[in-house]
């Protein structure tokens, strides 16, 4: 016979695992997007400074 406490504990562990995995995925996606934006801004700055010369 399974204890209700163990069932709740297992469910909580599963929910926390999903939450942490989602958070890591979100942070990874945000970092990737921000890196692309920074690189695009650097390229644009190089283009505008090259045109001024």
PDB file of N, CA and C in Angstrom:
ATOM      1  N   UNK A   1       0.823  -1.172   0.000  1.00  0.00           N
ATOM      2  CA  UNK A   1       0.000   0.000   0.000  1.00  0.00           C
ATOM      3  C   UNK A   1       0.885   1.260   0.000  1.00  0.00           C
ATOM      4  N   UNK A   2       0.559   2.196  -0.895  1.00  0.00           N
ATOM      5  CA  UNK A   2       1.385   3.381  -1.042  1.00  0.00           C
ATOM      6  C   UNK A   2       0.885   4.495  -0.127  1.00  0.00           C
ATOM      7  N   UNK A   3       1.799   5.153   0.510  1.00  0.00           N
ATOM      8  CA  UNK A   3       1.470   6.232   1.433  1.00  0.00           C
ATOM      9  C   UNK A   3       1.093   7.492   0.644  1.00  0.00           C
ATOM     10  N   UNK A   4       0.055   8.206   1.071  1.00  0.00           N
ATOM     11  CA  UNK A   4      -0.305   9.466   0.397  1.00  0.00           C
ATOM     12  C   UNK A   4       0.833  10.495   0.474  1.00  0.00           C
ATOM     13  N   UNK A   5       1.602  10.445   1.544  1.00  0.00           N
ATOM     14  CA  UNK A   5       2.734  11.362   1.682  1.00  0.00           C
ATOM     15  C   UNK A   5       3.749  11.145   0.569  1.00  0.00           C
ATOM     16  N   UNK A   6       4.039   9.882   0.245  1.00  0.00           N
ATOM     17  CA  UNK A   6       5.001   9.591  -0.816  1.00  0.00           C
ATOM     18  C   UNK A   6       4.454  10.014  -2.177  1.00  0.00           C
ATOM     19  N   UNK A   7       3.167   9.859  -2.391  1.00  0.00           N
ATOM     20  CA  UNK A   7       2.563  10.280  -3.654  1.00  0.00           C
ATOM     21  C   UNK A   7       2.667  11.793  -3.831  1.00  0.00           C
ATOM     22  N   UNK A   8       2.370  12.516  -2.759  1.00  0.00           N
ATOM     23  CA  UNK A   8       2.467  13.974  -2.817  1.00  0.00           C
ATOM     24  C   UNK A   8       3.906  14.405  -3.022  1.00  0.00           C
ATOM     25  N   UNK A   9       4.823  13.746  -2.351  1.00  0.00           N
ATOM     26  CA  UNK A   9       6.239  14.066  -2.487  1.00  0.00           C
ATOM     27  C   UNK A   9       6.724  13.802  -3.907  1.00  0.00           C
ATOM     28  N   UNK A  10       6.308  12.692  -4.505  1.00  0.00           N
ATOM     29  CA  UNK A  10       6.703  12.372  -5.872  1.00  0.00           C
ATOM     30  C   UNK A  10       6.119  13.386  -6.848  1.00  0.00           C
ATOM     31  N   UNK A  11       4.872  13.773  -6.646  1.00  0.00           N
ATOM     32  CA  UNK A  11       4.248  14.772  -7.507  1.00  0.00           C
ATOM     33  C   UNK A  11       4.962  16.116  -7.385  1.00  0.00           C
ATOM     34  N   UNK A  12       5.298  16.506  -6.178  1.00  0.00           N
ATOM     35  CA  UNK A  12       6.018  17.756  -5.959  1.00  0.00           C
ATOM     36  C   UNK A  12       7.386  17.729  -6.638  1.00  0.00           C
ATOM     37  N   UNK A  13       8.085  16.605  -6.531  1.00  0.00           N
ATOM     38  CA  UNK A  13       9.389  16.472  -7.177  1.00  0.00           C
ATOM     39  C   UNK A  13       9.247  16.597  -8.693  1.00  0.00           C
ATOM     40  N   UNK A  14       8.204  15.996  -9.254  1.00  0.00           N
ATOM     41  CA  UNK A  14       7.967  16.069 -10.690  1.00  0.00           C
ATOM     42  C   UNK A  14       7.672  17.503 -11.124  1.00  0.00           C
ATOM     43  N   UNK A  15       6.832  18.194 -10.371  1.00  0.00           N
ATOM     44  CA  UNK A  15       6.491  19.587 -10.696  1.00  0.00           C
ATOM     45  C   UNK A  15       7.729  20.476 -10.613  1.00  0.00           C
ATOM     46  N   UNK A  16       8.547  20.280  -9.591  1.00  0.00           N
ATOM     47  CA  UNK A  16       9.779  21.065  -9.470  1.00  0.00           C
ATOM     48  C   UNK A  16      10.745  20.772 -10.613  1.00  0.00           C
ATOM     49  N   UNK A  17      10.825  19.523 -11.020  1.00  0.00           N
ATOM     50  CA  UNK A  17      11.695  19.160 -12.139  1.00  0.00           C
ATOM     51  C   UNK A  17      11.250  19.860 -13.416  1.00  0.00           C
ATOM     52  N   UNK A  18       9.956  19.851 -13.679  1.00  0.00           N
ATOM     53  CA  UNK A  18       9.430  20.522 -14.874  1.00  0.00           C
ATOM     54  C   UNK A  18       9.676  22.029 -14.789  1.00  0.00           C
ATOM     55  N   UNK A  19       9.465  22.612 -13.612  1.00  0.00           N
ATOM     56  CA  UNK A  19       9.658  24.057 -13.436  1.00  0.00           C
ATOM     57  C   UNK A  19      11.115  24.457 -13.659  1.00  0.00           C
ATOM     58  N   UNK A  20      12.031  23.713 -13.070  1.00  0.00           N
ATOM     59  CA  UNK A  20      13.460  24.033 -13.221  1.00  0.00           C
ATOM     60  C   UNK A  20      13.896  23.837 -14.668  1.00  0.00           C
ATOM     61  N   UNK A  21      13.440  22.769 -15.303  1.00  0.00           N
ATOM     62  CA  UNK A  21      13.792  22.526 -16.703  1.00  0.00           C
ATOM     63  C   UNK A  21      13.263  23.655 -17.588  1.00  0.00           C
ATOM     64  N   UNK A  22      12.036  24.089 -17.348  1.00  0.00           N
ATOM     65  CA  UNK A  22      11.471  25.200 -18.110  1.00  0.00           C
ATOM     66  C   UNK A  22      12.246  26.487 -17.893  1.00  0.00           C
ATOM     67  N   UNK A  23      12.649  26.735 -16.667  1.00  0.00           N
ATOM     68  CA  UNK A  23      13.427  27.935 -16.365  1.00  0.00           C
ATOM     69  C   UNK A  23      14.774  27.935 -17.053  1.00  0.00           C
ATOM     70  N   UNK A  24      15.447  26.810 -17.038  1.00  0.00           N
ATOM     71  CA  UNK A  24      16.745  26.709 -17.720  1.00  0.00           C
ATOM     72  C   UNK A  24      16.562  26.904 -19.228  1.00  0.00           C
ATOM     73  N   UNK A  25      15.517  26.320 -19.778  1.00  0.00           N
ATOM     74  CA  UNK A  25      15.243  26.499 -21.207  1.00  0.00           C
ATOM     75  C   UNK A  25      14.963  27.951 -21.544  1.00  0.00           C
ATOM     76  N   UNK A  26      14.181  28.626 -20.708  1.00  0.00           N
ATOM     77  CA  UNK A  26      13.872  30.037 -20.936  1.00  0.00           C
ATOM     78  C   UNK A  26      15.138  30.893 -20.875  1.00  0.00           C
ATOM     79  N   UNK A  27      15.973  30.670 -19.861  1.00  0.00           N
ATOM     80  CA  UNK A  27      17.199  31.454 -19.737  1.00  0.00           C
ATOM     81  C   UNK A  27      18.147  31.206 -20.904  1.00  0.00           C
ATOM     82  N   UNK A  28      18.221  29.975 -21.369  1.00  0.00           N
ATOM     83  CA  UNK A  28      19.068  29.659 -22.517  1.00  0.00           C
ATOM     84  C   UNK A  28      18.566  30.371 -23.759  1.00  0.00           C
ATOM     85  N   UNK A  29      17.266  30.336 -23.983  1.00  0.00           N
ATOM     86  CA  UNK A  29      16.681  31.017 -25.141  1.00  0.00           C
ATOM     87  C   UNK A  29      16.881  32.527 -25.049  1.00  0.00           C
ATOM     88  N   UNK A  30      16.707  33.109 -23.876  1.00  0.00           N
ATOM     89  CA  UNK A  30      16.887  34.551 -23.704  1.00  0.00           C
ATOM     90  C   UNK A  30      18.344  34.945 -23.961  1.00  0.00           C
ATOM     91  N   UNK A  31      19.286  34.156 -23.465  1.00  0.00           N
ATOM     92  CA  UNK A  31      20.707  34.451 -23.689  1.00  0.00           C
ATOM     93  C   UNK A  31      21.045  34.371 -25.169  1.00  0.00           C
ATOM     94  N   UNK A  32      20.525  33.370 -25.875  1.00  0.00           N
ATOM     95  CA  UNK A  32      20.768  33.212 -27.311  1.00  0.00           C
ATOM     96  C   UNK A  32      20.223  34.422 -28.069  1.00  0.00           C
ATOM     97  N   UNK A  33      18.989  34.843 -27.719  1.00  0.00           N
ATOM     98  CA  UNK A  33      18.367  35.987 -28.389  1.00  0.00           C
ATOM     99  C   UNK A  33      19.163  37.267 -28.120  1.00  0.00           C
ATOM    100  N   UNK A  34      19.572  37.477 -26.869  1.00  0.00           N
ATOM    101  CA  UNK A  34      20.328  38.679 -26.521  1.00  0.00           C
ATOM    102  C   UNK A  34      21.686  38.702 -27.212  1.00  0.00           C
ATOM    103  N   UNK A  35      22.331  37.549 -27.316  1.00  0.00           N
ATOM    104  CA  UNK A  35      23.634  37.477 -27.994  1.00  0.00           C
ATOM    105  C   UNK A  35      23.482  37.858 -29.462  1.00  0.00           C
ATOM    106  N   UNK A  36      22.422  37.363 -30.103  1.00  0.00           N
ATOM    107  CA  UNK A  36      22.179  37.720 -31.509  1.00  0.00           C
ATOM    108  C   UNK A  36      21.956  39.213 -31.657  1.00  0.00           C
ATOM    109  N   UNK A  37      21.206  39.811 -30.747  1.00  0.00           N
ATOM    110  CA  UNK A  37      20.956  41.260 -30.821  1.00  0.00           C
ATOM    111  C   UNK A  37      22.246  42.058 -30.622  1.00  0.00           C
ATOM    112  N   UNK A  38      23.073  41.652 -29.661  1.00  0.00           N
ATOM    113  CA  UNK A  38      24.349  42.347 -29.431  1.00  0.00           C
ATOM    114  C   UNK A  38      25.247  42.253 -30.650  1.00  0.00           C
ATOM    115  N   UNK A  39      25.319  41.065 -31.264  1.00  0.00           N
ATOM    116  CA  UNK A  39      26.158  40.897 -32.452  1.00  0.00           C
ATOM    117  C   UNK A  39      25.636  41.750 -33.606  1.00  0.00           C
ATOM    118  N   UNK A  40      24.319  41.836 -33.767  1.00  0.00           N
ATOM    119  CA  UNK A  40      23.741  42.661 -34.827  1.00  0.00           C
ATOM    120  C   UNK A  40      24.051  44.140 -34.582  1.00  0.00           C
ATOM    121  N   UNK A  41      23.980  44.587 -33.327  1.00  0.00           N
ATOM    122  CA  UNK A  41      24.304  45.975 -33.008  1.00  0.00           C
ATOM    123  C   UNK A  41      25.771  46.272 -33.285  1.00  0.00           C
ATOM    124  N   UNK A  42      26.658  45.337 -32.965  1.00  0.00           N
ATOM    125  CA  UNK A  42      28.088  45.532 -33.252  1.00  0.00           C
ATOM    126  C   UNK A  42      28.323  45.658 -34.745  1.00  0.00           C
ATOM    127  N   UNK A  43      27.674  44.789 -35.528  1.00  0.00           N
ATOM    128  CA  UNK A  43      27.832  44.861 -36.989  1.00  0.00           C
ATOM    129  C   UNK A  43      27.327  46.195 -37.518  1.00  0.00           C
ATOM    130  N   UNK A  44      26.202  46.663 -36.989  1.00  0.00           N
ATOM    131  CA  UNK A  44      25.633  47.938 -37.426  1.00  0.00           C
ATOM    132  C   UNK A  44      26.551  49.103 -37.054  1.00  0.00           C
ATOM    133  N   UNK A  45      27.150  49.056 -35.869  1.00  0.00           N
ATOM    134  CA  UNK A  45      28.074  50.115 -35.463  1.00  0.00           C
ATOM    135  C   UNK A  45      29.305  50.135 -36.359  1.00  0.00           C
ATOM    136  N   UNK A  46      29.802  48.947 -36.712  1.00  0.00           N
ATOM    137  CA  UNK A  46      30.963  48.892 -37.600  1.00  0.00           C
ATOM    138  C   UNK A  46      30.623  49.477 -38.965  1.00  0.00           C
ATOM    139  N   UNK A  47      29.409  49.177 -39.471  1.00  0.00           N
ATOM    140  CA  UNK A  47      28.996  49.708 -40.770  1.00  0.00           C
ATOM    141  C   UNK A  47      28.886  51.220 -40.746  1.00  0.00           C
ATOM    142  N   UNK A  48      28.259  51.752 -39.686  1.00  0.00           N
ATOM    143  CA  UNK A  48      28.076  53.210 -39.639  1.00  0.00           C
ATOM    144  C   UNK A  48      29.402  53.930 -39.419  1.00  0.00           C
ATOM    145  N   UNK A  49      30.294  53.343 -38.636  1.00  0.00           N
ATOM    146  CA  UNK A  49      31.599  54.010 -38.426  1.00  0.00           C
ATOM    147  C   UNK A  49      32.463  53.887 -39.669  1.00  0.00           C
ATOM    148  N   UNK A  50      32.316  52.845 -40.450  1.00  0.00           N
ATOM    149  CA  UNK A  50      33.080  52.697 -41.691  1.00  0.00           C
ATOM    150  C   UNK A  50      32.592  53.695 -42.742  1.00  0.00           C
ATOM    151  N   UNK A  51      31.305  54.002 -42.750  1.00  0.00           N
ATOM    152  CA  UNK A  51      30.758  54.957 -43.714  1.00  0.00           C
ATOM    153  C   UNK A  51      31.211  56.372 -43.413  1.00  0.00           C
ATOM    154  N   UNK A  52      31.441  56.694 -42.138  1.00  0.00           N
ATOM    155  CA  UNK A  52      31.831  58.043 -41.748  1.00  0.00           C
ATOM    156  C   UNK A  52      33.265  58.367 -42.154  1.00  0.00           C
ATOM    157  N   UNK A  53      34.061  57.359 -42.336  1.00  0.00           N
ATOM    158  CA  UNK A  53      35.493  57.589 -42.645  1.00  0.00           C
ATOM    159  C   UNK A  53      35.699  58.064 -44.026  1.00  0.00           C
TER     160      UNK A  53
END
